[in-house]
C-alpha atoms as a PDB file:
ATOM      1  CA  MET A   1     -20.850  55.206 -96.394  1.00  0.00           C
ATOM      2  CA  PRO A   2     -20.932  58.579 -98.190  1.00  0.00           C
ATOM      3  CA  ASP A   3     -19.336  59.024-101.606  1.00  0.00           C
ATOM      4  CA  SER A   4     -17.963  62.430-100.743  1.00  0.00           C
ATOM      5  CA  MET A   5     -15.142  63.902 -98.756  1.00  0.00           C
ATOM      6  CA  SER A   6     -14.627  67.288 -97.196  1.00  0.00           C
ATOM      7  CA  MET A   7     -11.492  68.858 -95.802  1.00  0.00           C
ATOM      8  CA  PHE A   8     -10.841  71.916 -93.712  1.00  0.00           C
ATOM      9  CA  ARG A   9      -7.872  73.585 -92.107  1.00  0.00           C
ATOM     10  CA  LEU A  10      -8.053  73.978 -88.374  1.00  0.00           C
ATOM     11  CA  MET A  11      -7.463  77.659 -87.660  1.00  0.00           C
ATOM     12  CA  GLY A  12      -6.366  79.174 -84.373  1.00  0.00           C
ATOM     13  CA  LEU A  13      -3.894  76.597 -83.078  1.00  0.00           C
ATOM     14  CA  PRO A  14      -1.089  78.118 -80.979  1.00  0.00           C
ATOM     15  CA  ASP A  15       2.617  78.170 -81.772  1.00  0.00           C
ATOM     16  CA  PHE A  16       3.528  74.968 -79.927  1.00  0.00           C
ATOM     17  CA  GLN A  17       6.327  74.761 -77.382  1.00  0.00           C
ATOM     18  CA  THR A  18       7.931  71.845 -75.560  1.00  0.00           C
ATOM     19  CA  GLY A  19       5.405  70.186 -73.251  1.00  0.00           C
ATOM     20  CA  ASP A  20       2.293  71.610 -74.917  1.00  0.00           C
ATOM     21  CA  ASP A  21      -0.592  69.131 -75.139  1.00  0.00           C
ATOM     22  CA  LEU A  22      -1.094  68.871 -78.897  1.00  0.00           C
ATOM     23  CA  ALA A  23      -4.122  66.562 -78.681  1.00  0.00           C
ATOM     24  CA  ARG A  24      -5.880  68.779 -76.118  1.00  0.00           C
ATOM     25  CA  SER A  25      -5.224  71.885 -78.233  1.00  0.00           C
ATOM     26  CA  ILE A  26      -6.683  70.193 -81.311  1.00  0.00           C
ATOM     27  CA  ILE A  27      -9.783  69.036 -79.434  1.00  0.00           C
ATOM     28  CA  ASP A  28     -10.303  72.461 -77.835  1.00  0.00           C
ATOM     29  CA  THR A  29      -9.875  74.244 -81.178  1.00  0.00           C
ATOM     30  CA  LEU A  30     -12.273  71.841 -82.910  1.00  0.00           C
ATOM     31  CA  SER A  31     -14.814  72.477 -80.172  1.00  0.00           C
ATOM     32  CA  ALA A  32     -14.402  76.258 -80.426  1.00  0.00           C
ATOM     33  CA  GLN A  33     -15.143  75.996 -84.152  1.00  0.00           C
ATOM     34  CA  ASN A  34     -18.187  73.755 -83.598  1.00  0.00           C
ATOM     35  CA  GLN A  35     -16.443  70.804 -85.273  1.00  0.00           C
ATOM     36  CA  THR A  36     -16.377  67.246 -83.981  1.00  0.00           C
ATOM     37  CA  LEU A  37     -14.440  64.153 -84.916  1.00  0.00           C
ATOM     38  CA  VAL A  38     -16.417  61.021 -85.713  1.00  0.00           C
ATOM     39  CA  ALA A  39     -15.430  57.430 -86.418  1.00  0.00           C
ATOM     40  CA  GLY A  40     -13.623  57.238 -89.744  1.00  0.00           C
ATOM     41  CA  ASP A  41     -12.352  60.830 -89.732  1.00  0.00           C
ATOM     42  CA  ILE A  42      -8.742  61.306 -90.750  1.00  0.00           C
ATOM     43  CA  LEU A  43      -6.667  63.948 -89.023  1.00  0.00           C
ATOM     44  CA  VAL A  44      -3.474  65.136 -90.735  1.00  0.00           C
ATOM     45  CA  ILE A  45      -0.926  66.758 -88.436  1.00  0.00           C
ATOM     46  CA  ALA A  46       2.325  68.339 -89.603  1.00  0.00           C
ATOM     47  CA  HIS A  47       5.335  66.621 -88.101  1.00  0.00           C
ATOM     48  CA  LYS A  48       6.796  70.012 -87.161  1.00  0.00           C
ATOM     49  CA  VAL A  49       4.181  70.625 -84.455  1.00  0.00           C
ATOM     50  CA  VAL A  50       4.609  67.097 -83.117  1.00  0.00           C
ATOM     51  CA  SER A  51       8.380  67.602 -82.866  1.00  0.00           C
ATOM     52  CA  LYS A  52       8.000  70.988 -81.209  1.00  0.00           C
ATOM     53  CA  SER A  53       5.483  69.781 -78.613  1.00  0.00           C
ATOM     54  CA  GLU A  54       7.645  66.735 -77.835  1.00  0.00           C
ATOM     55  CA  GLY A  55      10.731  68.917 -77.448  1.00  0.00           C
ATOM     56  CA  ALA A  56      12.469  67.068 -80.284  1.00  0.00           C
ATOM     57  CA  CYS A  57      14.340  70.140 -81.508  1.00  0.00           C
ATOM     58  CA  ALA A  58      18.026  70.567 -82.108  1.00  0.00           C
ATOM     59  CA  TYR A  59      19.642  73.999 -82.062  1.00  0.00           C
ATOM     60  CA  LEU A  60      22.576  74.082 -84.453  1.00  0.00           C
ATOM     61  CA  ASP A  61      24.594  76.355 -82.172  1.00  0.00           C
ATOM     62  CA  ASP A  62      24.564  73.539 -79.594  1.00  0.00           C
ATOM     63  CA  ILE A  63      25.692  70.765 -81.973  1.00  0.00           C
ATOM     64  CA  THR A  64      29.298  69.599 -82.200  1.00  0.00           C
ATOM     65  CA  PRO A  65      29.660  67.156 -85.104  1.00  0.00           C
ATOM     66  CA  CYS A  66      31.651  63.954 -84.704  1.00  0.00           C
ATOM     67  CA  GLU A  67      34.267  62.869 -87.248  1.00  0.00           C
ATOM     68  CA  GLU A  68      31.774  60.575 -89.019  1.00  0.00           C
ATOM     69  CA  ALA A  69      29.342  63.485 -89.423  1.00  0.00           C
ATOM     70  CA  ILE A  70      32.092  65.743 -90.770  1.00  0.00           C
ATOM     71  CA  GLU A  71      33.170  63.160 -93.358  1.00  0.00           C
ATOM     72  CA  LEU A  72      29.619  62.348 -94.434  1.00  0.00           C
ATOM     73  CA  ALA A  73      28.776  66.061 -94.630  1.00  0.00           C
ATOM     74  CA  LYS A  74      31.638  66.531 -97.094  1.00  0.00           C
ATOM     75  CA  LYS A  75      30.331  63.633 -99.172  1.00  0.00           C
ATOM     76  CA  VAL A  76      26.754  64.950 -99.386  1.00  0.00           C
ATOM     77  CA  ASN A  77      27.564  68.681 -99.210  1.00  0.00           C
ATOM     78  CA  LYS A  78      25.569  69.344 -96.017  1.00  0.00           C
ATOM     79  CA  ASP A  79      26.229  71.205 -92.776  1.00  0.00           C
ATOM     80  CA  PRO A  80      28.110  68.736 -90.504  1.00  0.00           C
ATOM     81  CA  ARG A  81      25.925  69.768 -87.560  1.00  0.00           C
ATOM     82  CA  LYS A  82      22.773  68.768 -89.450  1.00  0.00           C
ATOM     83  CA  VAL A  83      24.396  65.457 -90.385  1.00  0.00           C
ATOM     84  CA  GLU A  84      25.281  64.930 -86.704  1.00  0.00           C
ATOM     85  CA  VAL A  85      21.609  65.308 -85.747  1.00  0.00           C
ATOM     86  CA  ILE A  86      20.570  62.879 -88.482  1.00  0.00           C
ATOM     87  CA  LEU A  87      23.173  60.338 -87.344  1.00  0.00           C
ATOM     88  CA  SER A  88      22.086  60.672 -83.717  1.00  0.00           C
ATOM     89  CA  GLN A  89      18.556  59.676 -84.738  1.00  0.00           C
ATOM     90  CA  SER A  90      19.558  56.790 -87.013  1.00  0.00           C
ATOM     91  CA  ASN A  91      20.682  53.202 -86.653  1.00  0.00           C
ATOM     92  CA  ARG A  92      22.705  53.243 -89.852  1.00  0.00           C
ATOM     93  CA  ILE A  93      23.288  55.013 -93.157  1.00  0.00           C
ATOM     94  CA  VAL A  94      21.573  53.126 -95.954  1.00  0.00           C
ATOM     95  CA  ARG A  95      22.678  55.405 -98.783  1.00  0.00           C
ATOM     96  CA  ALA A  96      24.238  58.843 -99.172  1.00  0.00           C
ATOM     97  CA  ILE A  97      24.099  60.489-102.589  1.00  0.00           C
ATOM     98  CA  LYS A  98      25.449  63.766-103.896  1.00  0.00           C
ATOM     99  CA  THR A  99      23.712  64.721-107.125  1.00  0.00           C
ATOM    100  CA  PRO A 100      25.272  66.947-109.814  1.00  0.00           C
ATOM    101  CA  ARG A 101      25.921  70.552-108.817  1.00  0.00           C
ATOM    102  CA  SER A 102      23.031  71.846-110.934  1.00  0.00           C
ATOM    103  CA  ARG A 103      20.659  69.768-108.794  1.00  0.00           C
ATOM    104  CA  ARG A 104      22.465  70.431-105.513  1.00  0.00           C
ATOM    105  CA  ARG A 105      19.276  70.757-103.453  1.00  0.00           C
ATOM    106  CA  ARG A 106      18.392  67.151-104.318  1.00  0.00           C
ATOM    107  CA  THR A 107      21.305  65.735-102.330  1.00  0.00           C
ATOM    108  CA  HIS A 108      20.100  63.336 -99.679  1.00  0.00           C
ATOM    109  CA  CYS A 109      21.138  60.816 -97.107  1.00  0.00           C
ATOM    110  CA  ARG A 110      18.857  57.833 -96.499  1.00  0.00           C
ATOM    111  CA  THR A 111      18.980  56.339 -93.024  1.00  0.00           C
ATOM    112  CA  GLN A 112      17.334  53.620 -91.003  1.00  0.00           C
ATOM    113  CA  LYS A 113      15.564  55.405 -88.156  1.00  0.00           C
ATOM    114  CA  ARG A 114      15.772  54.435 -84.498  1.00  0.00           C
ATOM    115  CA  LEU A 115      12.101  55.200 -83.986  1.00  0.00           C
ATOM    116  CA  PRO A 116      10.411  52.383 -85.956  1.00  0.00           C
ATOM    117  CA  TYR A 117       6.875  53.372 -84.995  1.00  0.00           C
ATOM    118  CA  VAL A 118       6.939  56.476 -87.203  1.00  0.00           C
ATOM    119  CA  PRO A 119       6.904  55.588 -90.926  1.00  0.00           C
ATOM    120  CA  MET A 120       8.646  58.558 -92.515  1.00  0.00           C
ATOM    121  CA  PRO A 121      10.017  59.375 -95.965  1.00  0.00           C
ATOM    122  CA  PRO A 122      13.832  59.260 -96.221  1.00  0.00           C
ATOM    123  CA  TRP A 123      14.219  63.038 -96.482  1.00  0.00           C
ATOM    124  CA  THR A 124      12.632  63.684 -93.087  1.00  0.00           C
ATOM    125  CA  ASN A 125      14.061  63.380 -89.633  1.00  0.00           C
ATOM    126  CA  PRO A 126      12.365  63.028 -86.252  1.00  0.00           C
ATOM    127  CA  MET A 127      14.296  66.032 -84.955  1.00  0.00           C
ATOM    128  CA  ARG A 128      13.456  69.538 -86.086  1.00  0.00           C
ATOM    129  CA  ILE A 129      16.684  71.366 -86.888  1.00  0.00           C
ATOM    130  CA  ILE A 130      16.715  75.035 -85.888  1.00  0.00           C
ATOM    131  CA  PRO A 131      19.160  77.119 -87.983  1.00  0.00           C
ATOM    132  CA  ASP A 132      21.629  79.600 -86.539  1.00  0.00           C
ATOM    133  CA  ASN A 133      20.346  83.100 -85.884  1.00  0.00           C
END
């Protein structure tokens, strides 16, 4: 086993849309760049492209928050529509914290996800939230 490691960014991948074959695009792009995957290689893929290709996107204009989302949004100082998306993808709220105003961006809501096969940090969500235009 070698004592070294090399990394490279895969250039030339498309802007993924719902239904795009992410794996096929990666393999085709690797091939076009004369790269191959071998046993033991580690491939890091941004969750954003996975969400986009799976169609797991939520458009805020289409979201109507429920009362629970509105109340929780007030507590954590977030857009109620974003909280609605988070709630729709969660089994339960584990903790919701609003930090002091000077650290407002650090506010977070920790949830137990419905999709147990994806180990994700508490600040992420399996749905990509698309802001208003």
